[in-house]
Amino acid sequence: MATDRSSRQAVGTIQTDGFPPVLAAADAMVKAGNVTLVYYGLAERAEFIVAVRGVVSAVEQAMAAGVLAVEATKRGALVSHYIIPNPPGNVDSVLPIHYTSASSDFWV
């Protein structure tokens, strides 16, 4: 179930074609903004996805850095990216975008 804390924060996702760009995006996002990486996984067709959480302004800053990092990567490409400010509790509880025990040490 979603915590009150996570429901007040934005979530940002970047989907890439290939592993190197998603790794570059994840690295750039956590370095550029005060965000927590909450999800990483495979999407369909050998694409990868990474999601971060934090306050809206930090997620916007992190996403901008992540997109630039993907575009600077020589192999792979940006498939999509999206920010959801203040996702409602039902979205947070159903999708894999919530804080977990694995990310709890890095909560922002």
PDB file of N, CA and C in Angstrom:
ATOM      1  N   MET A   1       0.840  -1.178   0.000  1.00  0.00           N
ATOM      2  CA  MET A   1       0.000   0.000   0.000  1.00  0.00           C
ATOM      3  C   MET A   1       0.881   1.236   0.000  1.00  0.00           C
ATOM      4  N   ALA A   2       0.452   2.287  -0.669  1.00  0.00           N
ATOM      5  CA  ALA A   2       1.242   3.509  -0.805  1.00  0.00           C
ATOM      6  C   ALA A   2       1.337   4.229   0.525  1.00  0.00           C
ATOM      7  N   THR A   3       2.498   4.792   0.770  1.00  0.00           N
ATOM      8  CA  THR A   3       2.656   5.593   1.967  1.00  0.00           C
ATOM      9  C   THR A   3       2.264   7.024   1.656  1.00  0.00           C
ATOM     10  N   ASP A   4       1.897   7.775   2.701  1.00  0.00           N
ATOM     11  CA  ASP A   4       1.518   9.170   2.507  1.00  0.00           C
ATOM     12  C   ASP A   4       2.668   9.945   1.899  1.00  0.00           C
ATOM     13  N   ARG A   5       3.881   9.587   2.297  1.00  0.00           N
ATOM     14  CA  ARG A   5       5.060  10.281   1.790  1.00  0.00           C
ATOM     15  C   ARG A   5       5.209  10.128   0.279  1.00  0.00           C
ATOM     16  N   SER A   6       5.089   8.905  -0.235  1.00  0.00           N
ATOM     17  CA  SER A   6       5.309   8.675  -1.654  1.00  0.00           C
ATOM     18  C   SER A   6       4.184   9.230  -2.504  1.00  0.00           C
ATOM     19  N   SER A   7       2.985   9.392  -1.970  1.00  0.00           N
ATOM     20  CA  SER A   7       1.874   9.902  -2.769  1.00  0.00           C
ATOM     21  C   SER A   7       2.018  11.402  -3.033  1.00  0.00           C
ATOM     22  N   ARG A   8       2.887  12.102  -2.300  1.00  0.00           N
ATOM     23  CA  ARG A   8       3.107  13.526  -2.523  1.00  0.00           C
ATOM     24  C   ARG A   8       4.264  13.783  -3.472  1.00  0.00           C
ATOM     25  N   GLN A   9       4.825  12.773  -4.025  1.00  0.00           N
ATOM     26  CA  GLN A   9       5.999  12.927  -4.865  1.00  0.00           C
ATOM     27  C   GLN A   9       5.715  12.507  -6.293  1.00  0.00           C
ATOM     28  N   ALA A  10       6.535  13.010  -7.187  1.00  0.00           N
ATOM     29  CA  ALA A  10       6.401  12.666  -8.608  1.00  0.00           C
ATOM     30  C   ALA A  10       7.147  11.378  -8.904  1.00  0.00           C
ATOM     31  N   VAL A  11       6.789  10.790 -10.030  1.00  0.00           N
ATOM     32  CA  VAL A  11       7.525   9.652 -10.572  1.00  0.00           C
ATOM     33  C   VAL A  11       7.902  10.004 -12.006  1.00  0.00           C
ATOM     34  N   GLY A  12       9.118   9.668 -12.376  1.00  0.00           N
ATOM     35  CA  GLY A  12       9.579   9.891 -13.740  1.00  0.00           C
ATOM     36  C   GLY A  12      10.139   8.601 -14.297  1.00  0.00           C
ATOM     37  N   THR A  13       9.796   8.295 -15.553  1.00  0.00           N
ATOM     38  CA  THR A  13      10.289   7.077 -16.179  1.00  0.00           C
ATOM     39  C   THR A  13      10.954   7.389 -17.512  1.00  0.00           C
ATOM     40  N   ILE A  14      11.983   6.625 -17.804  1.00  0.00           N
ATOM     41  CA  ILE A  14      12.655   6.701 -19.103  1.00  0.00           C
ATOM     42  C   ILE A  14      12.738   5.279 -19.640  1.00  0.00           C
ATOM     43  N   GLN A  15      12.330   5.118 -20.893  1.00  0.00           N
ATOM     44  CA  GLN A  15      12.404   3.822 -21.569  1.00  0.00           C
ATOM     45  C   GLN A  15      13.372   3.953 -22.732  1.00  0.00           C
ATOM     46  N   THR A  16      14.273   2.982 -22.849  1.00  0.00           N
ATOM     47  CA  THR A  16      15.300   3.044 -23.887  1.00  0.00           C
ATOM     48  C   THR A  16      15.361   1.750 -24.687  1.00  0.00           C
ATOM     49  N   ASP A  17      15.938   1.855 -25.842  1.00  0.00           N
ATOM     50  CA  ASP A  17      16.241   0.701 -26.683  1.00  0.00           C
ATOM     51  C   ASP A  17      17.709   0.380 -26.437  1.00  0.00           C
ATOM     52  N   GLY A  18      17.959  -0.636 -25.630  1.00  0.00           N
ATOM     53  CA  GLY A  18      19.333  -1.025 -25.312  1.00  0.00           C
ATOM     54  C   GLY A  18      19.699  -0.730 -23.871  1.00  0.00           C
ATOM     55  N   PHE A  19      20.659  -1.502 -23.367  1.00  0.00           N
ATOM     56  CA  PHE A  19      21.082  -1.357 -21.977  1.00  0.00           C
ATOM     57  C   PHE A  19      21.981  -0.150 -21.716  1.00  0.00           C
ATOM     58  N   PRO A  20      22.978   0.151 -22.551  1.00  0.00           N
ATOM     59  CA  PRO A  20      23.851   1.290 -22.243  1.00  0.00           C
ATOM     60  C   PRO A  20      23.100   2.607 -22.011  1.00  0.00           C
ATOM     61  N   PRO A  21      22.094   2.944 -22.818  1.00  0.00           N
ATOM     62  CA  PRO A  21      21.418   4.211 -22.559  1.00  0.00           C
ATOM     63  C   PRO A  21      20.600   4.233 -21.266  1.00  0.00           C
ATOM     64  N   VAL A  22      20.015   3.105 -20.856  1.00  0.00           N
ATOM     65  CA  VAL A  22      19.253   3.116 -19.610  1.00  0.00           C
ATOM     66  C   VAL A  22      20.199   3.224 -18.419  1.00  0.00           C
ATOM     67  N   LEU A  23      21.375   2.621 -18.532  1.00  0.00           N
ATOM     68  CA  LEU A  23      22.370   2.754 -17.471  1.00  0.00           C
ATOM     69  C   LEU A  23      22.845   4.198 -17.371  1.00  0.00           C
ATOM     70  N   ALA A  24      23.105   4.820 -18.507  1.00  0.00           N
ATOM     71  CA  ALA A  24      23.517   6.235 -18.515  1.00  0.00           C
ATOM     72  C   ALA A  24      22.417   7.116 -17.951  1.00  0.00           C
ATOM     73  N   ALA A  25      21.164   6.820 -18.298  1.00  0.00           N
ATOM     74  CA  ALA A  25      20.039   7.613 -17.789  1.00  0.00           C
ATOM     75  C   ALA A  25      19.920   7.488 -16.276  1.00  0.00           C
ATOM     76  N   ALA A  26      19.979   6.266 -15.760  1.00  0.00           N
ATOM     77  CA  ALA A  26      19.861   6.046 -14.317  1.00  0.00           C
ATOM     78  C   ALA A  26      20.967   6.771 -13.566  1.00  0.00           C
ATOM     79  N   ASP A  27      22.183   6.666 -14.062  1.00  0.00           N
ATOM     80  CA  ASP A  27      23.317   7.329 -13.434  1.00  0.00           C
ATOM     81  C   ASP A  27      23.137   8.845 -13.426  1.00  0.00           C
ATOM     82  N   ALA A  28      22.771   9.403 -14.568  1.00  0.00           N
ATOM     83  CA  ALA A  28      22.601  10.851 -14.676  1.00  0.00           C
ATOM     84  C   ALA A  28      21.448  11.346 -13.808  1.00  0.00           C
ATOM     85  N   MET A  29      20.369  10.573 -13.736  1.00  0.00           N
ATOM     86  CA  MET A  29      19.198  11.011 -12.975  1.00  0.00           C
ATOM     87  C   MET A  29      19.480  11.093 -11.480  1.00  0.00           C
ATOM     88  N   VAL A  30      20.137  10.078 -10.924  1.00  0.00           N
ATOM     89  CA  VAL A  30      20.378  10.114  -9.478  1.00  0.00           C
ATOM     90  C   VAL A  30      21.464  11.110  -9.101  1.00  0.00           C
ATOM     91  N   LYS A  31      22.314  11.470 -10.056  1.00  0.00           N
ATOM     92  CA  LYS A  31      23.338  12.475  -9.793  1.00  0.00           C
ATOM     93  C   LYS A  31      22.816  13.905  -9.975  1.00  0.00           C
ATOM     94  N   ALA A  32      21.827  14.091 -10.845  1.00  0.00           N
ATOM     95  CA  ALA A  32      21.359  15.437 -11.183  1.00  0.00           C
ATOM     96  C   ALA A  32      20.288  15.966 -10.239  1.00  0.00           C
ATOM     97  N   GLY A  33      19.497  15.101  -9.683  1.00  0.00           N
ATOM     98  CA  GLY A  33      18.402  15.553  -8.830  1.00  0.00           C
ATOM     99  C   GLY A  33      18.353  14.743  -7.553  1.00  0.00           C
ATOM    100  N   ASN A  34      17.702  15.286  -6.563  1.00  0.00           N
ATOM    101  CA  ASN A  34      17.559  14.596  -5.286  1.00  0.00           C
ATOM    102  C   ASN A  34      16.401  13.603  -5.414  1.00  0.00           C
ATOM    103  N   VAL A  35      16.671  12.486  -6.127  1.00  0.00           N
ATOM    104  CA  VAL A  35      15.653  11.485  -6.419  1.00  0.00           C
ATOM    105  C   VAL A  35      16.131  10.108  -5.979  1.00  0.00           C
ATOM    106  N   THR A  36      15.188   9.188  -5.877  1.00  0.00           N
ATOM    107  CA  THR A  36      15.485   7.806  -5.530  1.00  0.00           C
ATOM    108  C   THR A  36      15.109   6.913  -6.699  1.00  0.00           C
ATOM    109  N   LEU A  37      16.016   6.055  -7.109  1.00  0.00           N
ATOM    110  CA  LEU A  37      15.714   5.080  -8.147  1.00  0.00           C
ATOM    111  C   LEU A  37      14.834   4.002  -7.515  1.00  0.00           C
ATOM    112  N   VAL A  38      13.601   3.865  -8.014  1.00  0.00           N
ATOM    113  CA  VAL A  38      12.664   2.920  -7.407  1.00  0.00           C
ATOM    114  C   VAL A  38      12.375   1.707  -8.283  1.00  0.00           C
ATOM    115  N   TYR A  39      12.694   1.775  -9.578  1.00  0.00           N
ATOM    116  CA  TYR A  39      12.404   0.642 -10.437  1.00  0.00           C
ATOM    117  C   TYR A  39      13.360   0.617 -11.612  1.00  0.00           C
ATOM    118  N   TYR A  40      13.764  -0.596 -11.969  1.00  0.00           N
ATOM    119  CA  TYR A  40      14.539  -0.837 -13.180  1.00  0.00           C
ATOM    120  C   TYR A  40      14.066  -2.178 -13.707  1.00  0.00           C
ATOM    121  N   GLY A  41      13.855  -2.277 -15.000  1.00  0.00           N
ATOM    122  CA  GLY A  41      13.440  -3.563 -15.532  1.00  0.00           C
ATOM    123  C   GLY A  41      13.402  -3.589 -17.039  1.00  0.00           C
ATOM    124  N   LEU A  42      13.038  -4.755 -17.537  1.00  0.00           N
ATOM    125  CA  LEU A  42      12.887  -4.947 -18.975  1.00  0.00           C
ATOM    126  C   LEU A  42      11.479  -4.562 -19.383  1.00  0.00           C
ATOM    127  N   ALA A  43      11.384  -3.831 -20.463  1.00  0.00           N
ATOM    128  CA  ALA A  43      10.099  -3.570 -21.099  1.00  0.00           C
ATOM    129  C   ALA A  43       9.991  -4.555 -22.253  1.00  0.00           C
ATOM    130  N   GLU A  44       9.075  -4.364 -23.126  1.00  0.00           N
ATOM    131  CA  GLU A  44       8.958  -5.301 -24.252  1.00  0.00           C
ATOM    132  C   GLU A  44       9.976  -5.002 -25.342  1.00  0.00           C
ATOM    133  N   ARG A  45      10.185  -5.941 -26.218  1.00  0.00           N
ATOM    134  CA  ARG A  45      11.077  -5.831 -27.377  1.00  0.00           C
ATOM    135  C   ARG A  45      12.514  -5.449 -26.995  1.00  0.00           C
ATOM    136  N   ALA A  46      13.037  -6.022 -25.947  1.00  0.00           N
ATOM    137  CA  ALA A  46      14.414  -5.773 -25.509  1.00  0.00           C
ATOM    138  C   ALA A  46      14.664  -4.321 -25.169  1.00  0.00           C
ATOM    139  N   GLU A  47      13.639  -3.656 -24.671  1.00  0.00           N
ATOM    140  CA  GLU A  47      13.779  -2.275 -24.196  1.00  0.00           C
ATOM    141  C   GLU A  47      13.863  -2.295 -22.677  1.00  0.00           C
ATOM    142  N   PHE A  48      14.434  -1.251 -22.130  1.00  0.00           N
ATOM    143  CA  PHE A  48      14.635  -1.157 -20.692  1.00  0.00           C
ATOM    144  C   PHE A  48      13.924   0.076 -20.163  1.00  0.00           C
ATOM    145  N   ILE A  49      13.559   0.022 -18.883  1.00  0.00           N
ATOM    146  CA  ILE A  49      12.875   1.143 -18.261  1.00  0.00           C
ATOM    147  C   ILE A  49      13.462   1.389 -16.879  1.00  0.00           C
ATOM    148  N   VAL A  50      13.551   2.654 -16.510  1.00  0.00           N
ATOM    149  CA  VAL A  50      14.016   3.040 -15.197  1.00  0.00           C
ATOM    150  C   VAL A  50      13.059   4.097 -14.660  1.00  0.00           C
ATOM    151  N   ALA A  51      12.767   4.035 -13.355  1.00  0.00           N
ATOM    152  CA  ALA A  51      11.855   4.991 -12.734  1.00  0.00           C
ATOM    153  C   ALA A  51      12.493   5.582 -11.488  1.00  0.00           C
ATOM    154  N   VAL A  52      12.274   6.876 -11.289  1.00  0.00           N
ATOM    155  CA  VAL A  52      12.765   7.577 -10.102  1.00  0.00           C
ATOM    156  C   VAL A  52      11.600   8.278  -9.421  1.00  0.00           C
ATOM    157  N   ARG A  53      11.766   8.533  -8.110  1.00  0.00           N
ATOM    158  CA  ARG A  53      10.770   9.269  -7.323  1.00  0.00           C
ATOM    159  C   ARG A  53      11.450  10.413  -6.612  1.00  0.00           C
ATOM    160  N   GLY A  54      10.705  11.451  -6.331  1.00  0.00           N
ATOM    161  CA  GLY A  54      11.183  12.615  -5.598  1.00  0.00           C
ATOM    162  C   GLY A  54      10.177  13.733  -5.739  1.00  0.00           C
ATOM    163  N   VAL A  55      10.503  14.888  -5.189  1.00  0.00           N
ATOM    164  CA  VAL A  55       9.611  16.033  -5.369  1.00  0.00           C
ATOM    165  C   VAL A  55       9.605  16.411  -6.842  1.00  0.00           C
ATOM    166  N   VAL A  56       8.530  17.056  -7.282  1.00  0.00           N
ATOM    167  CA  VAL A  56       8.324  17.318  -8.709  1.00  0.00           C
ATOM    168  C   VAL A  56       9.519  18.029  -9.341  1.00  0.00           C
ATOM    169  N   SER A  57      10.014  19.077  -8.707  1.00  0.00           N
ATOM    170  CA  SER A  57      11.129  19.831  -9.305  1.00  0.00           C
ATOM    171  C   SER A  57      12.388  18.984  -9.430  1.00  0.00           C
ATOM    172  N   ALA A  58      12.652  18.130  -8.462  1.00  0.00           N
ATOM    173  CA  ALA A  58      13.832  17.258  -8.529  1.00  0.00           C
ATOM    174  C   ALA A  58      13.679  16.205  -9.616  1.00  0.00           C
ATOM    175  N   VAL A  59      12.471  15.660  -9.767  1.00  0.00           N
ATOM    176  CA  VAL A  59      12.237  14.662 -10.817  1.00  0.00           C
ATOM    177  C   VAL A  59      12.368  15.315 -12.188  1.00  0.00           C
ATOM    178  N   GLU A  60      11.858  16.522 -12.348  1.00  0.00           N
ATOM    179  CA  GLU A  60      11.992  17.231 -13.633  1.00  0.00           C
ATOM    180  C   GLU A  60      13.465  17.447 -13.977  1.00  0.00           C
ATOM    181  N   GLN A  61      14.244  17.861 -13.000  1.00  0.00           N
ATOM    182  CA  GLN A  61      15.684  18.072 -13.208  1.00  0.00           C
ATOM    183  C   GLN A  61      16.383  16.751 -13.538  1.00  0.00           C
ATOM    184  N   ALA A  62      16.053  15.701 -12.814  1.00  0.00           N
ATOM    185  CA  ALA A  62      16.666  14.397 -13.049  1.00  0.00           C
ATOM    186  C   ALA A  62      16.291  13.848 -14.421  1.00  0.00           C
ATOM    187  N   MET A  63      15.039  14.020 -14.801  1.00  0.00           N
ATOM    188  CA  MET A  63      14.592  13.518 -16.102  1.00  0.00           C
ATOM    189  C   MET A  63      15.302  14.236 -17.248  1.00  0.00           C
ATOM    190  N   ALA A  64      15.470  15.537 -17.120  1.00  0.00           N
ATOM    191  CA  ALA A  64      16.177  16.290 -18.168  1.00  0.00           C
ATOM    192  C   ALA A  64      17.598  15.755 -18.330  1.00  0.00           C
ATOM    193  N   ALA A  65      18.266  15.501 -17.211  1.00  0.00           N
ATOM    194  CA  ALA A  65      19.629  14.958 -17.270  1.00  0.00           C
ATOM    195  C   ALA A  65      19.633  13.546 -17.843  1.00  0.00           C
ATOM    196  N   GLY A  66      18.639  12.736 -17.488  1.00  0.00           N
ATOM    197  CA  GLY A  66      18.555  11.375 -17.997  1.00  0.00           C
ATOM    198  C   GLY A  66      18.336  11.327 -19.499  1.00  0.00           C
ATOM    199  N   VAL A  67      17.465  12.198 -20.001  1.00  0.00           N
ATOM    200  CA  VAL A  67      17.213  12.249 -21.445  1.00  0.00           C
ATOM    201  C   VAL A  67      18.475  12.668 -22.190  1.00  0.00           C
ATOM    202  N   LEU A  68      19.174  13.677 -21.665  1.00  0.00           N
ATOM    203  CA  LEU A  68      20.428  14.110 -22.303  1.00  0.00           C
ATOM    204  C   LEU A  68      21.458  12.988 -22.308  1.00  0.00           C
ATOM    205  N   ALA A  69      21.527  12.231 -21.227  1.00  0.00           N
ATOM    206  CA  ALA A  69      22.485  11.123 -21.149  1.00  0.00           C
ATOM    207  C   ALA A  69      22.153  10.041 -22.173  1.00  0.00           C
ATOM    208  N   VAL A  70      20.879   9.751 -22.342  1.00  0.00           N
ATOM    209  CA  VAL A  70      20.475   8.755 -23.341  1.00  0.00           C
ATOM    210  C   VAL A  70      20.856   9.240 -24.731  1.00  0.00           C
ATOM    211  N   GLU A  71      20.565  10.484 -25.022  1.00  0.00           N
ATOM    212  CA  GLU A  71      20.863  11.027 -26.347  1.00  0.00           C
ATOM    213  C   GLU A  71      22.359  11.069 -26.632  1.00  0.00           C
ATOM    214  N   ALA A  72      23.186  11.160 -25.587  1.00  0.00           N
ATOM    215  CA  ALA A  72      24.636  11.189 -25.763  1.00  0.00           C
ATOM    216  C   ALA A  72      25.251   9.793 -25.875  1.00  0.00           C
ATOM    217  N   THR A  73      24.464   8.765 -25.598  1.00  0.00           N
ATOM    218  CA  THR A  73      24.963   7.398 -25.670  1.00  0.00           C
ATOM    219  C   THR A  73      25.036   6.952 -27.124  1.00  0.00           C
ATOM    220  N   LYS A  74      26.143   6.333 -27.492  1.00  0.00           N
ATOM    221  CA  LYS A  74      26.370   5.972 -28.894  1.00  0.00           C
ATOM    222  C   LYS A  74      25.494   4.825 -29.375  1.00  0.00           C
ATOM    223  N   ARG A  75      25.173   3.896 -28.517  1.00  0.00           N
ATOM    224  CA  ARG A  75      24.351   2.750 -28.916  1.00  0.00           C
ATOM    225  C   ARG A  75      23.032   2.812 -28.172  1.00  0.00           C
ATOM    226  N   GLY A  76      21.954   2.502 -28.861  1.00  0.00           N
ATOM    227  CA  GLY A  76      20.640   2.534 -28.253  1.00  0.00           C
ATOM    228  C   GLY A  76      19.969   3.871 -28.502  1.00  0.00           C
ATOM    229  N   ALA A  77      18.746   3.991 -28.022  1.00  0.00           N
ATOM    230  CA  ALA A  77      17.981   5.209 -28.276  1.00  0.00           C
ATOM    231  C   ALA A  77      16.913   5.404 -27.211  1.00  0.00           C
ATOM    232  N   LEU A  78      16.443   6.622 -27.110  1.00  0.00           N
ATOM    233  CA  LEU A  78      15.335   6.964 -26.228  1.00  0.00           C
ATOM    234  C   LEU A  78      14.039   6.502 -26.886  1.00  0.00           C
ATOM    235  N   VAL A  79      13.241   5.733 -26.167  1.00  0.00           N
ATOM    236  CA  VAL A  79      11.950   5.288 -26.674  1.00  0.00           C
ATOM    237  C   VAL A  79      10.858   6.225 -26.170  1.00  0.00           C
ATOM    238  N   SER A  80      10.847   6.478 -24.866  1.00  0.00           N
ATOM    239  CA  SER A  80       9.863   7.401 -24.295  1.00  0.00           C
ATOM    240  C   SER A  80      10.318   7.853 -22.918  1.00  0.00           C
ATOM    241  N   HIS A  81       9.710   8.923 -22.464  1.00  0.00           N
ATOM    242  CA  HIS A  81       9.943   9.406 -21.100  1.00  0.00           C
ATOM    243  C   HIS A  81       8.705  10.148 -20.646  1.00  0.00           C
ATOM    244  N   TYR A  82       8.456  10.114 -19.331  1.00  0.00           N
ATOM    245  CA  TYR A  82       7.226  10.693 -18.823  1.00  0.00           C
ATOM    246  C   TYR A  82       7.368  11.001 -17.344  1.00  0.00           C
ATOM    247  N   ILE A  83       6.737  12.096 -16.920  1.00  0.00           N
ATOM    248  CA  ILE A  83       6.695  12.469 -15.505  1.00  0.00           C
ATOM    249  C   ILE A  83       5.236  12.501 -15.071  1.00  0.00           C
ATOM    250  N   ILE A  84       4.954  11.878 -13.938  1.00  0.00           N
ATOM    251  CA  ILE A  84       3.627  11.956 -13.335  1.00  0.00           C
ATOM    252  C   ILE A  84       3.778  12.653 -11.990  1.00  0.00           C
ATOM    253  N   PRO A  85       3.340  13.923 -11.897  1.00  0.00           N
ATOM    254  CA  PRO A  85       3.416  14.605 -10.614  1.00  0.00           C
ATOM    255  C   PRO A  85       2.331  14.092  -9.664  1.00  0.00           C
ATOM    256  N   ASN A  86       2.712  13.796  -8.460  1.00  0.00           N
ATOM    257  CA  ASN A  86       1.780  13.376  -7.410  1.00  0.00           C
ATOM    258  C   ASN A  86       0.830  12.259  -7.857  1.00  0.00           C
ATOM    259  N   PRO A  87       1.359  11.082  -8.192  1.00  0.00           N
ATOM    260  CA  PRO A  87       0.476   9.994  -8.616  1.00  0.00           C
ATOM    261  C   PRO A  87      -0.469   9.601  -7.479  1.00  0.00           C
ATOM    262  N   PRO A  88      -1.747   9.326  -7.793  1.00  0.00           N
ATOM    263  CA  PRO A  88      -2.685   8.930  -6.741  1.00  0.00           C
ATOM    264  C   PRO A  88      -2.314   7.578  -6.150  1.00  0.00           C
ATOM    265  N   GLY A  89      -2.827   7.299  -4.981  1.00  0.00           N
ATOM    266  CA  GLY A  89      -2.487   6.078  -4.261  1.00  0.00           C
ATOM    267  C   GLY A  89      -2.770   4.808  -5.026  1.00  0.00           C
ATOM    268  N   ASN A  90      -3.869   4.789  -5.811  1.00  0.00           N
ATOM    269  CA  ASN A  90      -4.171   3.562  -6.538  1.00  0.00           C
ATOM    270  C   ASN A  90      -3.151   3.296  -7.640  1.00  0.00           C
ATOM    271  N   VAL A  91      -2.600   4.325  -8.257  1.00  0.00           N
ATOM    272  CA  VAL A  91      -1.540   4.145  -9.257  1.00  0.00           C
ATOM    273  C   VAL A  91      -0.269   3.666  -8.567  1.00  0.00           C
ATOM    274  N   ASP A  92       0.041   4.289  -7.448  1.00  0.00           N
ATOM    275  CA  ASP A  92       1.254   3.941  -6.704  1.00  0.00           C
ATOM    276  C   ASP A  92       1.207   2.509  -6.176  1.00  0.00           C
ATOM    277  N   SER A  93       0.045   2.040  -5.793  1.00  0.00           N
ATOM    278  CA  SER A  93      -0.034   0.697  -5.226  1.00  0.00           C
ATOM    279  C   SER A  93      -0.065  -0.403  -6.287  1.00  0.00           C
ATOM    280  N   VAL A  94      -0.485  -0.085  -7.509  1.00  0.00           N
ATOM    281  CA  VAL A  94      -0.605  -1.101  -8.551  1.00  0.00           C
ATOM    282  C   VAL A  94       0.652  -1.204  -9.411  1.00  0.00           C
ATOM    283  N   LEU A  95       1.257  -0.091  -9.735  1.00  0.00           N
ATOM    284  CA  LEU A  95       2.433  -0.093 -10.604  1.00  0.00           C
ATOM    285  C   LEU A  95       3.710  -0.209  -9.777  1.00  0.00           C
ATOM    286  N   PRO A  96       4.780  -0.700 -10.362  1.00  0.00           N
ATOM    287  CA  PRO A  96       6.036  -0.862  -9.610  1.00  0.00           C
ATOM    288  C   PRO A  96       6.823   0.452  -9.512  1.00  0.00           C
ATOM    289  N   ILE A  97       6.196   1.473  -8.929  1.00  0.00           N
ATOM    290  CA  ILE A  97       6.839   2.794  -8.818  1.00  0.00           C
ATOM    291  C   ILE A  97       6.950   3.245  -7.373  1.00  0.00           C
ATOM    292  N   HIS A  98       6.645   2.380  -6.446  1.00  0.00           N
ATOM    293  CA  HIS A  98       6.654   2.760  -5.041  1.00  0.00           C
ATOM    294  C   HIS A  98       8.012   2.456  -4.396  1.00  0.00           C
ATOM    295  N   TYR A  99       8.232   3.078  -3.253  1.00  0.00           N
ATOM    296  CA  TYR A  99       9.436   2.788  -2.492  1.00  0.00           C
ATOM    297  C   TYR A  99       9.337   1.374  -1.952  1.00  0.00           C
ATOM    298  N   THR A 100      10.446   0.653  -1.995  1.00  0.00           N
ATOM    299  CA  THR A 100      10.494  -0.716  -1.491  1.00  0.00           C
ATOM    300  C   THR A 100      11.583  -0.822  -0.438  1.00  0.00           C
ATOM    301  N   SER A 101      11.708  -1.982   0.162  1.00  0.00           N
ATOM    302  CA  SER A 101      12.781  -2.181   1.139  1.00  0.00           C
ATOM    303  C   SER A 101      14.146  -2.029   0.486  1.00  0.00           C
ATOM    304  N   ALA A 102      14.250  -2.349  -0.805  1.00  0.00           N
ATOM    305  CA  ALA A 102      15.530  -2.208  -1.518  1.00  0.00           C
ATOM    306  C   ALA A 102      15.901  -0.738  -1.725  1.00  0.00           C
ATOM    307  N   SER A 103      14.901   0.134  -1.841  1.00  0.00           N
ATOM    308  CA  SER A 103      15.198   1.554  -2.069  1.00  0.00           C
ATOM    309  C   SER A 103      15.074   2.393  -0.803  1.00  0.00           C
ATOM    310  N   SER A 104      14.657   1.810   0.305  1.00  0.00           N
ATOM    311  CA  SER A 104      14.394   2.589   1.521  1.00  0.00           C
ATOM    312  C   SER A 104      15.632   3.297   2.061  1.00  0.00           C
ATOM    313  N   ASP A 105      16.806   2.726   1.880  1.00  0.00           N
ATOM    314  CA  ASP A 105      18.031   3.384   2.352  1.00  0.00           C
ATOM    315  C   ASP A 105      18.330   4.665   1.579  1.00  0.00           C
ATOM    316  N   PHE A 106      17.690   4.837   0.445  1.00  0.00           N
ATOM    317  CA  PHE A 106      17.990   5.971  -0.428  1.00  0.00           C
ATOM    318  C   PHE A 106      16.844   6.944  -0.559  1.00  0.00           C
ATOM    319  N   TRP A 107      15.811   6.818   0.269  1.00  0.00           N
ATOM    320  CA  TRP A 107      14.676   7.748   0.212  1.00  0.00           C
ATOM    321  C   TRP A 107      15.147   9.168   0.306  1.00  0.00           C
ATOM    322  N   VAL A 108      14.534  10.008  -0.481  1.00  0.00           N
ATOM    323  CA  VAL A 108      14.873  11.439  -0.456  1.00  0.00           C
ATOM    324  C   VAL A 108      13.783  12.225   0.214  1.00  0.00           C
TER     325      VAL A 108
END
